[in-house]
Each structure stands twice: as C-alpha cells, then as structure tokens.
C-alpha cells in the first residue's frame, strides 16, 4: 500500500538529525491552556441541538483523500478560526499574533485526485462523535493536531477541562452538549523510555524499552475504553538511544558506548510502532478504532541547518511534481506503513479496527505552513528561532481534521 511517489532514500547527516533532536529538547514556554479558563468558557450549542442529527458531506466511495494537490481556494473562504477566536493556540504556533506578514498560506485547500474534500463541518463532526471519546497519543505534533481540532470545534462548542492531573502534557476535555471526550497523552516514543546514565549526566542519551508499551498512555486507553485512539510519533527517534528488548541491552543508535552494537533510528521507530499497535489490538475488551497518522515532514529547513541559518520562508505550497518524500522522512514513512499493514491484518482477526491516516504526501508539499520565526517576538532570546517542524494555527494542519472526519464517516 505504497501511496507516495517514493524516491531512493538519501543519507541523512548527523547535523540534519540534530534539527529535530534540538527542537524537541527545548521546552516551549507556554501550555496550550495558559489562556484557557474552564469556568469562563461554556458551550455555545443550543439546548435543542443536543438531540439533533445532520447530514455531513462525504467524499464519494473509493476516493483516496490522501492523494492529491493543494489548489488555490478560489471561493475566498475565510480561515476556520483566528488566534482571537480560539484560546487553544500555543505561542509557538500563533503565527498571526507574532506578525507573519504573508497570510496567503491560509488560502489553499487540499483537493484529492478523484474528488473534492468537503470543508470541515464542526457541528457535523460533533454529531458524529456524540457520546464517544478520542485519544491523541504521541509527541508534540499529536498535540498540534488536537489543538487544531479544538480550534475547529470552537465555533460550535468550547469544552471543559476535566483533567485529573496538573501535568499539561496529559489533558482531558469534555464537550458537554455532545458528551464527547478528547484526551492527549504525551508519549513521544510510544514505548517505555527514560534518560540514561550512560552519557555521564549529559541528558541526551535515552533508554528505549522497545518491547514495552509506555505506561503513560496504554493503561489509560485500556481503562477508559476510548472509541478512537490516534497514534503518531516519529521525530523523537532521532535522539541517541540505547535499545532494550526483553530487559536486555541489545543495540543502540549513536550512543558511543563501547561494546554496544549500532543499529539505526529506523529500527527503533519500526519496533516501537509494532509494540504499540500490537498492544492496542490486544487490549481486553477494546472494540474501538486505532488510527495511525504517518510522519509529518522534518525536511523543510532550507539554506542551512536549524542553527546555521536554516529556515522555512516559502509563501506558497509546492506543486505535486516539485517535491517528494525522501531521506529520513521516507524511511520513517515506509516503516510506519509496513508496521500498520502487519498490525491491521492481525487486529482484524481479533475484531479490532485499524485505519491509516496517510497525511505525509499532503504535508510534504506545505513548507509554507510552519511558524518559522513567527512563534515569538523578534527581540526575544529563544533557543529555536525558526520552527520548521510544527504547524501554524490556523494553517495547513487543519486539513488533518477534514481527513479525520471523512475517516470517521467511512
């Protein structure tokens, strides 16, 4: 099921890998609830809407929504939301607030090759998920997706924070008028992981227990019995790591520890996804849907590395024939798809549904959709000045929820 136009993998330099290593080593300054006041935000739905049903636009049967191109939004539709209408935007994604001058990046829409992708229907989405629950599991791009969805839904209803922890990486929100619960679980490796002592306190080397699902999310998914579990992780696997299986150190990636065999980060990502997907499929009583979202591009820096002038200053998407998935992005993508295919077959035999959210082809064409330098004020002394990994809100990432809605309707 290779959907992308693939090219031969290229060798990725250690300096290139350091882009993502540094990005995810640096903590962001604000939680996405910094501007969120649970007592002051209430549902905007009317009482009569609680039992309403509505027809939601669907793509024709057989249309692959993940293959296509970005085209100008000639209808001139306004963005779904702004930084003033949505309180869930983190500072580093708030491109409009920080003065991004070119707003043309908001005037494109994704058009699949064989059909038109309907615009996001917030009321329709909430009707589809009425009485259900959804969990986002993964790294900061999983959170980026959840925040985008929450902004899209804000025109209909604001949720209440019902989290049972103060840890901002683990949040649960409830849309009361639709009895819809959404959660995010921080688990950048999907499997058990902790910092290693083997680099003499350097704080850069990780222990990855590749055959042990992360307790940060799996017990909660099992206990709450989520209807939808959206799994996405890739970027953190670029960190130097020690690989453990069956409790034994078996290999590492760029660990520089004498006597430890070297394997690649492709190996760790592949095995971690295998472990996570098998764990979900094996949950006792789980009859929900597991959705695997493929890698979001890490390759949009141009003109240098992240710390040597690299930036993403393009103001329009690539045409479909101008860019393709290559290098590390391609390797990650292929591993995710192959592990999904194997897991989906085994899960189907157990009565568990798995779906692939294949967003990579669309997003590799959007180097214009990142915050770049517009996630902070110019005079601020920030470690990462140009962010070419996360996505502006509003921005191209909003198409993920358009795609997700069609998947829920399938």
Protein backbone atom coordinates (compact mmCIF):
# COMPACT_ATOMS: atom_id res chain seq x y z
CA UNK A 1 0.00 0.00 0.00
CA UNK A 2 2.65 2.49 -1.07
CA UNK A 3 0.72 5.64 -1.93
CA UNK A 4 3.50 8.18 -2.14
CA UNK A 5 5.73 8.82 -5.09
CA UNK A 6 8.83 7.35 -3.48
CA UNK A 7 12.44 8.11 -4.25
CA UNK A 8 15.55 6.35 -3.13
CA UNK A 9 16.43 7.12 0.49
CA UNK A 10 19.24 9.56 0.93
CA UNK A 11 21.87 9.59 3.61
CA UNK A 12 20.86 11.96 6.38
CA UNK A 13 23.71 13.78 8.05
CA UNK A 14 24.08 13.81 11.79
CA UNK A 15 23.81 17.57 11.59
CA UNK A 16 20.47 17.19 9.84
CA UNK A 17 19.23 14.86 12.51
CA UNK A 18 20.26 17.41 15.10
CA UNK A 19 17.50 19.68 13.82
CA UNK A 20 14.82 17.60 15.37
CA UNK A 21 16.95 16.50 18.30
CA UNK A 22 17.32 20.10 19.37
CA UNK A 23 13.74 21.12 18.66
CA UNK A 24 12.31 18.53 20.97
CA UNK A 25 14.96 19.04 23.63
CA UNK A 26 13.84 22.64 24.07
CA UNK A 27 10.71 23.06 26.22
CA UNK A 28 8.13 25.53 24.99
CA UNK A 29 7.32 28.47 27.17
CA UNK A 30 3.56 28.11 27.41
CA UNK A 31 1.00 25.42 27.83
CA UNK A 32 -1.91 25.44 25.42
CA UNK A 33 -4.13 26.04 28.45
CA UNK A 34 -2.33 29.22 29.52
CA UNK A 35 -5.20 31.28 28.10
CA UNK A 36 -7.86 28.72 28.90
CA UNK A 37 -10.29 29.47 31.71
CA UNK A 38 -12.59 26.48 32.28
CA UNK A 39 -15.11 28.44 34.34
CA UNK A 40 -15.37 31.21 31.78
CA UNK A 41 -15.89 29.14 28.66
CA UNK A 42 -19.21 27.48 28.13
CA UNK A 43 -20.94 25.61 25.38
CA UNK A 44 -22.24 27.71 22.52
CA UNK A 45 -24.62 24.93 21.47
CA UNK A 46 -28.31 25.43 22.00
CA UNK A 47 -30.26 23.04 24.17
CA UNK A 48 -32.21 21.91 21.15
CA UNK A 49 -29.01 20.81 19.43
CA UNK A 50 -28.37 18.03 21.91
CA UNK A 51 -30.54 15.56 20.05
CA UNK A 52 -30.01 16.95 16.57
CA UNK A 53 -28.68 14.97 13.66
CA UNK A 54 -27.39 16.47 10.45
CA UNK A 55 -26.24 15.24 7.09
CA UNK A 56 -22.47 15.51 6.82
CA UNK A 57 -20.89 15.84 3.37
CA UNK A 58 -18.98 12.73 2.36
CA UNK A 59 -16.46 12.03 -0.34
CA UNK A 60 -17.56 9.50 -2.98
CA UNK A 61 -16.87 5.89 -2.18
CA UNK A 62 -13.48 4.82 -3.49
CA UNK A 63 -11.92 8.30 -3.48
CA UNK A 64 -8.46 8.31 -1.91
CA UNK A 65 -8.44 11.54 0.10
CA UNK A 66 -4.71 11.28 0.78
CA UNK A 67 -3.53 11.63 -2.83
CA UNK A 68 -3.95 14.99 -4.48
CA UNK A 69 -2.63 18.53 -4.62
CA UNK A 70 -3.01 21.92 -2.96
CA UNK A 71 -5.04 24.34 -5.05
CA UNK A 72 -5.97 27.99 -4.53
CA UNK A 73 -9.13 28.42 -2.51
CA UNK A 74 -10.87 30.42 -5.21
CA UNK A 75 -14.04 30.57 -3.16
CA UNK A 76 -12.27 33.01 -0.88
CA UNK A 77 -13.48 31.26 2.26
CA UNK A 78 -12.14 32.80 5.46
CA UNK A 79 -9.96 30.70 7.77
CA UNK A 80 -11.96 28.46 10.07
CA UNK A 81 -10.73 30.39 13.11
CA UNK A 82 -8.22 33.00 14.21
CA UNK A 83 -5.94 33.48 17.18
CA UNK A 84 -8.69 35.66 18.66
CA UNK A 85 -11.49 33.13 18.31
CA UNK A 86 -9.53 30.10 19.51
CA UNK A 87 -7.97 30.05 23.00
CA UNK A 88 -6.09 26.79 22.49
CA UNK A 89 -3.19 28.02 20.34
CA UNK A 90 0.26 27.73 21.89
CA UNK A 91 2.58 30.68 21.49
CA UNK A 92 4.99 28.94 19.15
CA UNK A 93 2.11 28.16 16.74
CA UNK A 94 0.50 31.60 16.91
CA UNK A 95 1.85 32.92 13.62
CA UNK A 96 -0.76 35.64 13.19
CA UNK A 97 -0.18 37.09 16.66
CA UNK A 98 3.54 37.32 16.03
CA UNK A 99 3.16 39.21 12.79
CA UNK A 100 3.52 36.77 9.95
CA UNK A 101 3.11 39.17 7.00
CA UNK A 102 2.05 36.73 4.30
CA UNK A 103 -1.37 35.24 5.02
CA UNK A 104 -1.65 33.71 1.58
CA UNK A 105 -0.68 30.35 3.10
CA UNK A 106 -4.24 30.25 4.50
CA UNK A 107 -5.76 30.48 1.01
CA UNK A 108 -5.10 26.96 -0.19
CA UNK A 109 -7.18 23.82 0.09
CA UNK A 110 -6.34 20.16 -0.37
CA UNK A 111 -8.02 18.60 -3.40
CA UNK A 112 -7.82 14.80 -3.74
CA UNK A 113 -7.15 13.49 -7.22
CA UNK A 114 -10.56 11.87 -7.63
CA UNK A 115 -12.96 14.09 -5.71
CA UNK A 116 -13.46 17.25 -3.68
CA UNK A 117 -12.68 17.16 0.06
CA UNK A 118 -15.55 18.87 1.91
CA UNK A 119 -14.73 21.74 4.20
CA UNK A 120 -14.68 20.90 7.87
CA UNK A 121 -18.15 20.75 9.39
CA UNK A 122 -17.73 21.40 13.11
CA UNK A 123 -21.35 20.71 14.01
CA UNK A 124 -21.32 17.59 11.85
CA UNK A 125 -18.12 16.34 13.47
CA UNK A 126 -19.58 16.73 16.94
CA UNK A 127 -22.70 14.88 15.86
CA UNK A 128 -20.58 12.01 14.52
CA UNK A 129 -18.66 11.69 17.79
CA UNK A 130 -21.62 12.30 20.08
CA UNK A 131 -21.33 10.07 23.13
CA UNK A 132 -17.84 8.92 22.16
CA UNK A 133 -14.23 9.52 23.16
CA UNK A 134 -10.95 10.15 21.33
CA UNK A 135 -7.33 9.94 22.48
CA UNK A 136 -4.31 11.52 20.80
CA UNK A 137 -1.14 9.60 21.68
CA UNK A 138 2.35 10.71 20.68
CA UNK A 139 4.63 13.74 20.53
CA UNK A 140 4.08 17.48 20.16
CA UNK A 141 2.68 17.03 16.65
CA UNK A 142 -0.05 14.84 18.12
CA UNK A 143 -0.81 17.76 20.43
CA UNK A 144 -0.61 20.17 17.47
CA UNK A 145 -3.33 18.08 15.78
CA UNK A 146 -5.54 18.02 18.86
CA UNK A 147 -5.24 21.78 19.26
CA UNK A 148 -6.18 22.28 15.62
CA UNK A 149 -9.27 20.11 16.11
CA UNK A 150 -10.27 22.01 19.25
CA UNK A 151 -9.97 25.31 17.38
CA UNK A 152 -12.13 23.97 14.57
CA UNK A 153 -14.79 22.84 17.03
CA UNK A 154 -14.76 26.14 18.93
CA UNK A 155 -17.28 27.71 16.56
CA UNK A 156 -19.85 25.25 17.93
CA UNK A 157 -18.79 24.44 21.47
CA UNK A 158 -15.99 25.10 23.95
CA UNK A 159 -15.02 22.15 26.15
CA UNK A 160 -14.49 21.95 29.88
CA UNK A 161 -11.15 20.81 31.21
CA UNK A 162 -11.84 17.65 33.24
CA UNK A 163 -8.21 16.56 33.59
CA UNK A 164 -7.26 14.69 36.73
CA UNK A 165 -3.64 15.87 36.66
CA UNK A 166 -1.86 19.22 36.61
CA UNK A 167 0.61 17.91 34.04
CA UNK A 168 -0.09 19.92 30.89
CA UNK A 169 1.13 17.09 28.67
CA UNK A 170 -1.85 14.96 29.73
CA UNK A 171 -5.16 16.74 29.31
CA UNK A 172 -8.77 15.60 29.04
CA UNK A 173 -11.59 17.83 27.86
CA UNK A 174 -15.32 17.25 27.67
CA UNK A 175 -17.83 18.70 25.22
CA UNK A 176 -20.89 18.53 27.43
CA UNK A 177 -23.58 19.22 24.82
CA UNK A 178 -22.37 16.29 22.76
CA UNK A 179 -20.96 14.09 25.54
CA UNK A 180 -17.70 13.92 23.62
CA UNK A 181 -14.40 13.47 25.47
CA UNK A 182 -10.98 14.15 23.95
CA UNK A 183 -7.61 13.48 25.60
CA UNK A 184 -3.95 13.89 24.77
CA UNK A 185 -1.21 11.62 26.13
CA UNK A 186 2.44 12.65 25.85
CA UNK A 187 4.42 9.62 24.70
CA UNK A 188 7.00 10.64 22.08
CA UNK A 189 8.45 7.13 21.75
CA UNK A 190 5.15 5.20 22.29
CA UNK A 191 7.17 2.72 24.36
CA UNK A 192 8.72 2.93 27.81
CA UNK A 193 11.65 5.37 27.83
CA UNK A 194 13.83 7.29 30.26
CA UNK A 195 17.07 9.22 30.23
CA UNK A 196 20.17 7.09 30.50
CA UNK A 197 23.05 7.43 32.93
CA UNK A 198 25.46 6.10 30.33
CA UNK A 199 26.39 9.52 28.96
CA UNK A 200 27.71 10.72 32.32
CA UNK A 201 24.84 13.07 33.05
CA UNK A 202 24.77 14.68 29.62
CA UNK A 203 20.99 14.33 29.42
CA UNK A 204 20.95 13.44 25.72
CA UNK A 205 21.01 9.64 25.69
CA UNK A 206 17.75 7.73 26.11
CA UNK A 207 16.91 4.20 27.18
CA UNK A 208 14.20 2.79 24.90
CA UNK A 209 12.45 -0.41 26.00
CA UNK A 210 11.23 -1.28 22.55
CA UNK A 211 9.02 -4.22 23.51
CA UNK A 212 7.30 -2.48 26.45
CA UNK A 213 4.36 -0.13 25.71
CA UNK A 214 4.51 3.17 27.54
CA UNK A 215 2.54 3.21 30.80
CA UNK A 216 1.94 6.92 30.19
CA UNK A 217 -0.89 6.07 27.80
CA UNK A 218 -1.75 2.37 27.44
CA UNK A 219 -3.36 1.77 30.86
CA UNK A 220 -5.48 4.90 30.46
CA UNK A 221 -6.62 3.93 26.98
CA UNK A 222 -7.48 0.49 28.34
CA UNK A 223 -9.26 1.83 31.41
CA UNK A 224 -11.34 4.48 29.69
CA UNK A 225 -12.07 2.33 26.63
CA UNK A 226 -11.62 5.14 24.11
CA UNK A 227 -13.58 4.82 20.89
CA UNK A 228 -10.77 6.28 18.78
CA UNK A 229 -7.03 6.18 19.51
CA UNK A 230 -4.90 8.31 17.16
CA UNK A 231 -1.25 7.27 17.32
CA UNK A 232 1.54 9.39 15.85
CA UNK A 233 5.23 9.56 16.65
CA UNK A 234 8.45 9.90 14.70
CA UNK A 235 10.67 12.85 15.49
CA UNK A 236 11.99 11.83 18.89
CA UNK A 237 13.54 8.70 17.44
CA UNK A 238 16.36 10.88 16.09
CA UNK A 239 17.78 11.11 19.62
CA UNK A 240 20.80 9.00 20.60
CA UNK A 241 19.32 5.95 22.30
CA UNK A 242 20.05 2.59 23.88
CA UNK A 243 17.73 -0.19 22.71
CA UNK A 244 16.43 -2.74 25.20
CA UNK A 245 14.40 -5.85 24.38
CA UNK A 246 13.32 -8.48 26.91
CA UNK A 247 15.07 -6.38 29.54
CA UNK A 248 18.48 -6.67 27.85
CA UNK A 249 20.55 -4.03 26.11
CA UNK A 250 20.71 -5.27 22.51
CA UNK A 251 21.94 -2.28 20.49
CA UNK A 252 21.87 1.49 20.23
CA UNK A 253 21.71 4.44 17.90
CA UNK A 254 24.67 6.85 18.07
CA UNK A 255 25.28 6.05 21.73
CA UNK A 256 29.09 5.91 21.56
CA UNK A 257 29.09 3.29 24.32
CA UNK A 258 31.93 0.77 23.89
CA UNK A 259 30.82 -2.75 23.05
CA UNK A 260 27.21 -1.87 22.16
CA UNK A 261 26.25 -2.74 18.56
CA UNK A 262 24.97 0.13 16.43
CA UNK A 263 21.56 0.00 14.79
CA UNK A 264 19.69 2.82 13.11
CA UNK A 265 16.88 5.00 14.37
CA UNK A 266 14.74 3.37 11.65
CA UNK A 267 14.94 0.17 13.66
CA UNK A 268 13.73 1.76 16.89
CA UNK A 269 10.80 3.55 15.24
CA UNK A 270 9.70 0.38 13.49
CA UNK A 271 9.82 -1.82 16.59
CA UNK A 272 8.17 0.82 18.78
CA UNK A 273 5.23 1.11 16.38
CA UNK A 274 4.97 -2.67 16.23
CA UNK A 275 4.82 -2.84 20.02
CA UNK A 276 2.27 -0.03 20.35
CA UNK A 277 -0.08 -1.36 17.69
CA UNK A 278 0.04 -4.91 18.99
CA UNK A 279 -0.68 -3.62 22.48
CA UNK A 280 -3.79 -1.73 21.35
CA UNK A 281 -5.08 -4.68 19.37
CA UNK A 282 -4.59 -6.95 22.38
CA UNK A 283 -6.39 -4.76 24.93
CA UNK A 284 -9.09 -6.88 26.61
CA UNK A 285 -12.50 -5.70 25.53
CA UNK A 286 -11.20 -3.00 23.18
CA UNK A 287 -13.66 -2.55 20.33
CA UNK A 288 -12.68 0.93 19.23
CA UNK A 289 -10.66 2.14 16.25
CA UNK A 290 -6.89 2.68 16.24
CA UNK A 291 -5.73 5.29 13.72
CA UNK A 292 -2.06 5.60 12.74
CA UNK A 293 -1.06 9.00 11.37
CA UNK A 294 2.05 8.92 9.20
CA UNK A 295 5.11 11.11 9.67
CA UNK A 296 4.90 14.89 9.40
CA UNK A 297 7.89 16.17 7.37
CA UNK A 298 11.08 17.06 9.18
CA UNK A 299 12.80 18.21 5.99
CA UNK A 300 11.50 21.74 5.39
CA UNK A 301 14.57 23.66 6.59
CA UNK A 302 16.29 25.43 3.69
CA UNK A 303 19.52 27.37 3.41
CA UNK A 304 21.27 25.62 6.27
CA UNK A 305 20.74 23.60 9.38
CA UNK A 306 18.46 24.83 12.16
CA UNK A 307 21.36 26.57 13.92
CA UNK A 308 23.13 27.78 10.77
CA UNK A 309 20.52 29.98 9.16
CA UNK A 310 18.10 27.25 8.12
CA UNK A 311 14.56 28.49 7.74
CA UNK A 312 11.23 27.85 6.01
CA UNK A 313 10.21 31.17 4.45
CA UNK A 314 8.26 29.95 1.45
CA UNK A 315 4.89 31.61 0.95
CA UNK A 316 3.10 29.01 -1.18
CA UNK A 317 2.89 25.22 -1.41
CA UNK A 318 4.94 23.07 -3.70
CA UNK A 319 3.17 21.74 -6.76
CA UNK A 320 2.72 17.97 -6.71
CA UNK A 321 5.67 17.50 -9.10
CA UNK A 322 8.04 19.80 -7.21
CA UNK A 323 8.66 17.73 -4.09
CA UNK A 324 8.61 14.14 -2.97
CA UNK A 325 9.24 12.26 0.24
CA UNK A 326 12.88 11.28 0.63
CA UNK A 327 15.63 10.57 3.14
CA UNK A 328 14.65 10.13 6.76
CA UNK A 329 11.02 11.12 6.12
CA UNK A 330 10.75 8.34 3.55
CA UNK A 331 12.35 5.77 5.83
CA UNK A 332 10.02 6.65 8.69
CA UNK A 333 7.01 6.65 6.40
CA UNK A 334 7.77 3.23 4.94
CA UNK A 335 8.34 1.72 8.38
CA UNK A 336 5.05 3.13 9.68
CA UNK A 337 3.05 1.90 6.71
CA UNK A 338 4.59 -1.56 6.79
CA UNK A 339 4.03 -1.96 10.52
CA UNK A 340 0.47 -0.71 10.13
CA UNK A 341 -0.21 -3.26 7.40
CA UNK A 342 1.05 -6.12 9.54
CA UNK A 343 -0.81 -4.92 12.64
CA UNK A 344 -4.06 -4.24 10.79
CA UNK A 345 -4.20 -7.78 9.45
CA UNK A 346 -3.66 -9.28 12.91
CA UNK A 347 -6.09 -6.83 14.54
CA UNK A 348 -8.82 -7.61 12.02
CA UNK A 349 -8.68 -11.25 13.07
CA UNK A 350 -9.35 -10.10 16.66
CA UNK A 351 -12.22 -7.84 15.64
CA UNK A 352 -10.26 -4.60 16.18
CA UNK A 353 -10.42 -1.89 13.52
CA UNK A 354 -7.26 -0.08 12.42
CA UNK A 355 -7.01 2.75 9.90
CA UNK A 356 -4.09 4.60 8.28
CA UNK A 357 -4.21 8.39 8.23
CA UNK A 358 -1.75 8.95 5.42
CA UNK A 359 -1.08 12.69 5.68
CA UNK A 360 2.58 12.67 4.61
CA UNK A 361 2.05 13.29 0.88
CA UNK A 362 -0.08 16.35 1.56
CA UNK A 363 2.16 17.87 4.20
CA UNK A 364 5.47 17.46 2.40
CA UNK A 365 4.06 19.98 -0.09
CA UNK A 366 3.50 22.66 2.58
CA UNK A 367 6.85 24.15 3.62
CA UNK A 368 4.97 27.44 3.85
CA UNK A 369 2.82 26.29 6.76
CA UNK A 370 5.36 26.34 9.61
CA UNK A 371 5.80 29.12 12.17
CA UNK A 372 9.39 29.85 11.11
CA UNK A 373 10.31 32.96 13.14
CA UNK A 374 6.69 33.89 13.82
CA UNK A 375 6.29 32.00 17.07
CA UNK A 376 7.86 34.72 19.20
CA UNK A 377 8.71 38.41 19.08
CA UNK A 378 11.87 39.34 17.12
CA UNK A 379 13.66 40.66 20.20
CA UNK A 380 13.03 37.55 22.30
CA UNK A 381 16.03 35.43 23.18
CA UNK A 382 14.77 31.99 22.23
CA UNK A 383 16.88 28.92 21.59
CA UNK A 384 14.97 27.83 18.48
CA UNK A 385 14.40 30.88 16.34
CA UNK A 386 12.99 29.21 13.23
CA UNK A 387 10.48 26.41 13.75
CA UNK A 388 10.07 24.36 10.58
CA UNK A 389 8.56 21.26 12.20
CA UNK A 390 5.34 22.34 13.91
CA UNK A 391 2.43 23.99 12.08
CA UNK A 392 0.81 27.41 12.32
CA UNK A 393 -2.70 27.59 13.74
CA UNK A 394 -4.73 28.24 11.67
CA UNK A 395 -2.83 26.57 8.86
CA UNK A 396 -2.40 23.52 6.64
CA UNK A 397 -2.64 21.17 9.63
CA UNK A 398 -6.39 21.88 9.74
CA UNK A 399 -6.75 19.52 6.77
CA UNK A 400 -5.92 16.64 9.12
CA UNK A 401 -9.30 17.09 10.77
CA UNK A 402 -11.04 17.34 7.40
CA UNK A 403 -9.47 13.98 6.58
CA UNK A 404 -10.25 12.59 10.03
CA UNK A 405 -13.93 13.43 9.67
CA UNK A 406 -14.12 11.52 6.40
CA UNK A 407 -12.39 8.54 8.04
CA UNK A 408 -14.94 8.54 10.87
CA UNK A 409 -17.73 8.53 8.30
CA UNK A 410 -16.25 5.59 6.39
